[in-house]
N, C-alpha and C. Protein backbone atom coordinates (compact mmCIF):
# COMPACT_ATOMS: atom_id res chain seq x y z
N MET A 1 118.05 71.09 99.05
CA MET A 1 116.94 72.30 97.92
C MET A 1 115.78 71.79 98.06
N SER A 2 114.58 72.42 98.25
CA SER A 2 113.34 72.34 98.29
C SER A 2 112.69 72.71 97.22
N ARG A 3 111.71 72.36 96.97
CA ARG A 3 111.40 72.54 95.45
C ARG A 3 110.88 73.57 95.30
N TYR A 4 111.04 74.62 96.06
CA TYR A 4 110.51 75.81 95.88
C TYR A 4 111.77 76.36 95.57
N GLY A 5 112.88 76.03 96.35
CA GLY A 5 114.39 77.29 95.88
C GLY A 5 115.17 77.46 97.32
N PHE A 6 115.69 77.93 97.42
CA PHE A 6 116.05 78.41 98.49
C PHE A 6 115.65 79.59 98.72
N SER A 7 116.15 79.80 100.68
CA SER A 7 115.10 81.42 100.98
C SER A 7 116.74 81.48 102.05
N PHE A 8 116.58 82.80 101.59
CA PHE A 8 118.20 83.67 102.26
C PHE A 8 117.33 84.87 102.65
N GLY A 9 117.33 84.58 104.43
CA GLY A 9 116.44 85.29 104.82
C GLY A 9 117.39 86.45 105.83
N SER A 10 117.20 86.90 106.76
CA SER A 10 118.54 87.69 107.51
C SER A 10 119.36 86.42 108.46
N GLU A 11 120.14 86.59 108.62
CA GLU A 11 120.60 84.94 109.58
C GLU A 11 119.93 84.23 109.42
N ILE A 12 119.14 83.36 108.02
CA ILE A 12 118.86 82.56 108.10
C ILE A 12 119.67 81.41 107.11
N ALA A 13 119.48 80.02 107.36
CA ALA A 13 120.20 79.66 106.44
C ALA A 13 119.46 78.61 105.96
N PRO A 14 119.53 77.82 105.21
CA PRO A 14 118.69 77.24 104.71
C PRO A 14 118.79 75.69 106.00
N VAL A 15 117.77 74.42 106.01
CA VAL A 15 117.68 73.80 107.04
C VAL A 15 118.97 72.69 107.19
N GLY A 16 119.74 72.53 107.60
CA GLY A 16 120.47 72.15 108.07
C GLY A 16 122.31 72.01 107.48
N VAL A 17 122.19 73.76 107.27
CA VAL A 17 123.71 74.47 106.72
C VAL A 17 123.78 75.00 107.07
N ASP A 18 125.00 74.84 107.66
CA ASP A 18 125.52 76.21 108.62
C ASP A 18 127.41 76.62 107.66
N LEU A 19 126.80 77.04 107.10
CA LEU A 19 127.86 78.07 106.24
C LEU A 19 128.29 79.09 106.88
N ALA A 20 129.82 79.49 106.39
CA ALA A 20 130.27 80.66 107.23
C ALA A 20 129.47 81.55 105.97
N TYR A 21 129.68 83.55 105.78
CA TYR A 21 128.84 84.03 105.59
C TYR A 21 129.54 84.26 103.54
N ASP A 22 131.03 84.77 103.44
CA ASP A 22 131.43 84.07 101.98
C ASP A 22 130.94 82.82 101.64
N ASP A 23 131.09 82.27 101.79
CA ASP A 23 129.96 80.52 101.63
C ASP A 23 129.20 80.53 101.04
N LYS A 24 127.83 81.19 101.87
CA LYS A 24 126.92 81.58 101.43
C LYS A 24 126.78 82.84 100.21
N ILE A 25 127.26 83.70 100.21
CA ILE A 25 127.33 84.15 99.45
C ILE A 25 127.93 83.80 98.10
N ARG A 26 128.45 83.18 97.94
CA ARG A 26 128.80 82.08 96.64
C ARG A 26 127.76 81.10 96.36
N LEU A 27 126.82 80.40 97.10
CA LEU A 27 126.43 79.45 96.85
C LEU A 27 124.79 80.23 96.84
N PHE A 28 124.73 81.59 97.09
CA PHE A 28 123.66 82.34 96.83
C PHE A 28 124.01 82.99 94.90
N ALA A 29 125.09 82.77 94.35
CA ALA A 29 125.21 83.63 93.42
C ALA A 29 125.64 82.79 92.84
N ASP A 30 125.90 81.44 93.34
CA ASP A 30 125.61 79.99 92.28
C ASP A 30 123.83 80.02 91.72
N LYS A 31 123.15 80.09 92.75
CA LYS A 31 121.60 79.77 92.78
C LYS A 31 121.65 80.76 91.75
N LEU A 32 121.57 81.97 91.98
CA LEU A 32 121.04 83.00 91.00
C LEU A 32 120.90 83.14 89.95
N THR A 33 122.42 82.29 90.11
CA THR A 33 123.08 82.94 88.07
C THR A 33 122.20 80.82 87.54
N GLN A 34 121.89 80.18 88.26
CA GLN A 34 120.63 79.44 87.54
C GLN A 34 119.48 79.49 87.49
N ALA A 35 119.13 80.53 88.31
CA ALA A 35 117.60 80.09 87.94
C ALA A 35 117.10 80.86 86.99
N ASP A 36 115.58 80.63 86.54
CA ASP A 36 115.23 80.60 85.67
C ASP A 36 113.92 81.94 85.29
N ALA A 37 114.33 81.99 86.89
CA ALA A 37 113.64 83.63 86.97
C ALA A 37 113.91 84.35 88.65
N ILE A 38 113.47 85.14 88.74
CA ILE A 38 113.91 85.47 90.47
C ILE A 38 112.84 86.46 90.91
N LEU A 39 111.67 85.98 92.06
CA LEU A 39 110.77 86.43 92.14
C LEU A 39 111.79 87.62 93.54
N VAL A 40 111.54 88.68 93.64
CA VAL A 40 111.81 89.34 94.95
C VAL A 40 110.71 89.75 95.54
N GLY A 41 110.28 89.61 96.67
CA GLY A 41 108.98 89.98 97.59
C GLY A 41 109.50 91.22 98.31
N GLY A 42 108.33 92.40 97.85
CA GLY A 42 109.14 93.48 98.71
C GLY A 42 107.30 93.79 98.61
N ALA A 43 107.36 94.44 100.29
CA ALA A 43 105.90 95.76 100.82
C ALA A 43 106.70 96.41 101.57
N SER A 44 105.78 97.10 102.05
CA SER A 44 105.69 98.84 102.25
C SER A 44 107.29 99.19 102.97
N GLY A 45 108.07 97.56 103.80
CA GLY A 45 108.78 97.93 104.47
C GLY A 45 109.88 98.51 103.53
N MET A 46 109.59 98.25 101.98
CA MET A 46 111.02 98.42 101.36
C MET A 46 110.19 100.41 101.00
N SER A 47 109.40 100.85 101.18
CA SER A 47 109.37 101.95 100.90
C SER A 47 110.02 102.85 102.31
N ALA A 48 109.68 102.00 103.12
CA ALA A 48 110.66 102.58 105.20
C ALA A 48 111.63 102.90 104.95
N ALA A 49 111.91 101.53 103.93
CA ALA A 49 114.03 101.89 104.21
C ALA A 49 114.64 102.78 103.26
N SER A 50 113.51 103.12 102.06
CA SER A 50 114.40 104.05 101.07
C SER A 50 114.37 105.34 102.22
N GLY A 51 113.63 105.68 102.76
CA GLY A 51 113.65 106.99 103.60
C GLY A 51 112.52 107.58 103.38
N PHE A 52 111.14 106.68 102.64
CA PHE A 52 109.94 107.27 102.62
C PHE A 52 108.32 106.38 103.44
N ARG A 53 109.40 107.03 105.05
CA ARG A 53 108.70 107.37 106.76
C ARG A 53 107.16 107.63 105.95
N HIS A 54 106.21 109.02 105.66
CA HIS A 54 105.34 109.51 105.73
C HIS A 54 104.30 108.00 105.50
N TYR A 55 104.14 107.57 105.57
CA TYR A 55 102.74 106.59 105.03
C TYR A 55 103.07 106.57 106.71
N TYR A 56 103.79 106.01 107.59
CA TYR A 56 103.76 105.51 109.02
C TYR A 56 103.64 106.78 109.72
N GLU A 57 103.71 107.92 110.04
CA GLU A 57 104.60 108.51 110.64
C GLU A 57 104.42 110.48 110.28
N PRO A 58 104.15 111.29 110.91
CA PRO A 58 104.08 112.42 110.57
C PRO A 58 105.71 112.92 110.52
N ASP A 59 106.09 112.61 109.55
CA ASP A 59 107.70 113.15 109.35
C ASP A 59 107.37 114.68 108.81
N GLU A 60 108.55 114.82 107.78
CA GLU A 60 109.14 116.03 107.41
C GLU A 60 107.74 116.49 106.24
N HIS A 61 108.04 115.05 105.43
CA HIS A 61 107.34 114.87 103.99
C HIS A 61 105.63 115.06 104.74
N PHE A 62 105.50 114.52 105.12
CA PHE A 62 103.94 114.84 106.25
C PHE A 62 103.25 115.70 106.18
N VAL A 63 104.05 116.05 107.46
CA VAL A 63 104.01 117.51 108.01
C VAL A 63 103.74 118.82 106.71
N ARG A 64 105.02 118.80 106.13
CA ARG A 64 104.74 119.80 104.98
C ARG A 64 103.73 119.68 103.99
N GLN A 65 103.07 118.69 103.53
CA GLN A 65 102.03 118.88 102.14
C GLN A 65 101.19 117.78 102.70
N MET A 66 101.17 117.32 103.81
CA MET A 66 99.98 117.00 104.14
C MET A 66 98.91 117.78 105.30
N SER A 67 99.88 118.68 105.94
CA SER A 67 98.72 119.81 107.01
C SER A 67 97.73 119.21 106.53
N ALA A 68 96.65 120.11 105.37
CA ALA A 68 95.26 120.31 105.57
C ALA A 68 94.66 119.73 105.82
N PHE A 69 95.13 118.39 105.14
CA PHE A 69 94.07 116.41 105.41
C PHE A 69 94.24 116.36 106.97
N ARG A 70 95.56 116.57 107.77
CA ARG A 70 95.64 116.74 109.70
C ARG A 70 94.76 117.19 109.56
N ASP A 71 94.28 118.67 109.67
CA ASP A 71 94.15 119.45 110.15
C ASP A 71 92.61 119.31 110.00
N LYS A 72 92.12 119.32 109.23
CA LYS A 72 90.97 118.84 108.29
C LYS A 72 90.52 117.00 109.17
N TYR A 73 91.06 116.49 109.02
CA TYR A 73 90.65 114.78 109.40
C TYR A 73 91.18 113.82 110.42
N GLY A 74 91.90 114.96 111.05
CA GLY A 74 92.94 114.45 111.81
C GLY A 74 93.83 113.34 111.80
N TYR A 75 94.49 112.88 109.95
CA TYR A 75 95.75 112.15 109.92
C TYR A 75 96.71 112.24 110.69
N GLN A 76 97.43 111.03 110.92
CA GLN A 76 98.32 110.60 111.60
C GLN A 76 99.36 110.55 110.94
N SER A 77 99.09 109.99 109.75
CA SER A 77 99.96 109.33 108.76
C SER A 77 99.17 109.23 107.26
N GLY A 78 100.23 108.82 106.50
CA GLY A 78 99.53 108.67 105.15
C GLY A 78 98.51 108.21 104.66
N PHE A 79 98.68 106.81 105.72
CA PHE A 79 97.91 105.51 105.51
C PHE A 79 97.12 105.94 105.68
N ASP A 80 96.45 106.56 106.91
CA ASP A 80 95.19 107.24 107.16
C ASP A 80 94.13 107.67 106.32
N GLY A 81 95.12 108.60 105.41
CA GLY A 81 94.80 109.30 103.81
C GLY A 81 93.95 107.92 103.62
N LEU A 82 94.75 107.00 102.80
CA LEU A 82 94.51 106.01 102.14
C LEU A 82 93.25 104.97 102.20
N TYR A 83 93.07 105.10 103.64
CA TYR A 83 91.91 104.18 104.10
C TYR A 83 90.72 104.79 104.80
N HIS A 84 90.69 106.01 105.28
CA HIS A 84 89.66 107.51 105.24
C HIS A 84 88.89 107.19 104.29
N ARG A 85 86.85 107.03 105.14
CA ARG A 85 86.52 106.58 103.99
C ARG A 85 85.83 108.43 103.60
N TYR A 86 85.91 109.09 102.41
CA TYR A 86 85.80 110.38 102.25
C TYR A 86 83.85 110.51 101.79
N GLN A 87 83.40 111.95 101.56
CA GLN A 87 82.19 111.89 101.98
C GLN A 87 82.34 111.78 100.00
N ASN A 88 83.42 113.14 99.47
CA ASN A 88 82.79 112.24 97.77
C ASN A 88 84.60 111.88 96.89
N SER A 89 84.54 111.19 95.86
CA SER A 89 85.92 111.18 95.26
C SER A 89 86.75 112.56 95.06
N ARG A 90 85.96 113.77 94.97
CA ARG A 90 86.41 114.92 95.04
C ARG A 90 87.62 114.77 95.80
N GLU A 91 87.75 114.90 97.23
CA GLU A 91 87.81 115.15 98.39
C GLU A 91 89.45 113.66 98.52
N ARG A 92 88.43 112.21 98.21
CA ARG A 92 89.68 111.60 98.22
C ARG A 92 90.67 111.14 97.02
N TRP A 93 89.95 111.76 95.21
CA TRP A 93 91.38 112.12 94.48
C TRP A 93 92.33 113.74 94.94
N GLY A 94 91.47 114.70 95.38
CA GLY A 94 92.06 115.70 96.10
C GLY A 94 93.78 114.84 97.20
N PHE A 95 93.74 114.28 97.57
CA PHE A 95 94.80 113.76 98.86
C PHE A 95 95.64 112.56 97.44
N LEU A 96 95.25 111.54 96.58
CA LEU A 96 95.78 110.51 96.27
C LEU A 96 97.33 111.06 95.65
N PRO A 97 96.94 112.23 95.02
CA PRO A 97 98.57 112.66 94.64
C PRO A 97 99.70 113.59 95.54
N ILE A 98 98.67 113.76 96.36
CA ILE A 98 99.71 114.09 97.66
C ILE A 98 99.95 113.18 98.90
N GLY A 99 99.15 112.24 98.97
CA GLY A 99 99.11 110.94 99.95
C GLY A 99 100.35 109.92 99.05
N LEU A 100 100.24 110.04 98.21
CA LEU A 100 101.39 109.22 97.38
C LEU A 100 102.91 109.21 96.94
N ALA A 101 102.63 110.83 97.11
CA ALA A 101 103.58 111.27 96.11
C ALA A 101 105.35 111.24 97.11
């Protein structure tokens, strides 16, 4: 075990450890119960995994909720609206409730 604890990623076991899947689950559960704290790192992939794809692509939500912004500014996704340089704060605040919903 490293100074920072174990890392259990997709198909990756700690270096030098070749365990069966059930053994990995048991080891993970043991480490979890012994931990003082748990840090879960997540980024935009978590929202995509939950079905929120409008940040990345023009899905149904994007077309339904953001078509006016798409037509006016040429957005292809919700991220386009988050990073757009609006001419004034009123336009930006007009986008935020829709783009982040």
